[in-house]
Amino acid sequence: MNELKLTEEDWQAGFDAGRRREPDTPPQGVEVMSWISGYIEGKAQPWNPAAGSQGGGDHIESDGPRC
């Protein structure tokens, strides 16, 4: 049986990208399922438009992947 492993580093990178409303294409070299999972979670967070596309100082710490 195949086992899915989420990496916290790639999940956090996806979370941060989703939070900044960046395109939903994972960068090369990341574990895609981890990144997409984090991206979805990050995009679900409230967004502060005043922070702009780069997110400014509006960073939210997360508890990491839930698995």
Protein backbone atom coordinates (compact mmCIF):
# COMPACT_ATOMS: atom_id res chain seq x y z
CA MET A 1 0.00 0.00 0.00
CA ASN A 2 1.24 3.51 -0.82
CA GLU A 3 1.58 5.91 2.07
CA LEU A 4 1.10 9.66 1.83
CA LYS A 5 3.65 11.69 3.75
CA LEU A 6 3.22 15.41 4.25
CA THR A 7 6.32 17.49 4.81
CA GLU A 8 5.90 20.41 7.16
CA GLU A 9 8.31 22.66 5.24
CA ASP A 10 6.47 22.21 1.91
CA TRP A 11 3.07 22.49 3.62
CA GLN A 12 4.13 25.80 5.21
CA ALA A 13 5.41 27.10 1.85
CA GLY A 14 2.02 26.27 0.29
CA PHE A 15 0.18 27.82 3.24
CA ASP A 16 2.16 31.05 2.86
CA ALA A 17 1.56 31.12 -0.92
CA GLY A 18 -2.18 30.59 -0.44
CA ARG A 19 -2.28 33.28 2.23
CA ARG A 20 -0.64 35.71 -0.21
CA ARG A 21 -3.12 34.66 -2.93
CA GLU A 22 -0.33 33.57 -5.27
CA PRO A 23 -1.11 31.27 -8.22
CA ASP A 24 -1.89 27.71 -7.20
CA THR A 25 0.99 26.11 -9.09
CA PRO A 26 3.49 24.39 -6.78
CA PRO A 27 7.12 25.37 -7.37
CA GLN A 28 9.59 22.78 -8.66
CA GLY A 29 11.16 20.58 -6.02
CA VAL A 30 8.36 20.53 -3.43
CA GLU A 31 6.27 17.57 -2.32
CA VAL A 32 3.14 18.50 -4.29
CA MET A 33 0.47 17.06 -1.97
CA SER A 34 2.03 18.82 1.02
CA TRP A 35 2.23 22.13 -0.82
CA ILE A 36 -1.33 21.96 -2.22
CA SER A 37 -2.72 20.97 1.19
CA GLY A 38 -1.03 23.98 2.78
CA TYR A 39 -2.09 26.24 -0.09
CA ILE A 40 -5.77 25.35 0.38
CA GLU A 41 -5.53 25.95 4.11
CA GLY A 42 -3.71 29.26 3.61
CA LYS A 43 -6.14 30.52 1.00
CA ALA A 44 -9.02 29.78 3.39
CA GLN A 45 -7.54 32.27 5.89
CA PRO A 46 -8.84 35.85 5.94
CA TRP A 47 -6.86 38.15 3.68
CA ASN A 48 -5.76 41.69 4.44
CA PRO A 49 -5.88 43.52 1.06
CA ALA A 50 -3.82 46.37 2.55
CA ALA A 51 -0.90 43.95 2.76
CA GLY A 52 -0.85 43.55 -1.03
CA SER A 53 0.15 40.49 -2.99
CA GLN A 54 3.31 39.95 -0.97
CA GLY A 55 1.42 39.67 2.30
CA GLY A 56 3.50 42.33 4.04
CA GLY A 57 3.80 41.70 7.74
CA ASP A 58 0.44 39.93 7.83
CA HIS A 59 1.90 36.48 8.46
CA ILE A 60 -0.15 33.95 10.41
CA GLU A 61 1.63 31.10 12.11
CA SER A 62 -0.06 27.79 11.52
CA ASP A 63 -0.04 24.52 13.41
CA GLY A 64 1.24 22.78 10.29
CA PRO A 65 -0.36 19.90 8.45
CA ARG A 66 -3.21 18.11 10.15
CA CYS A 67 -2.57 14.42 9.68
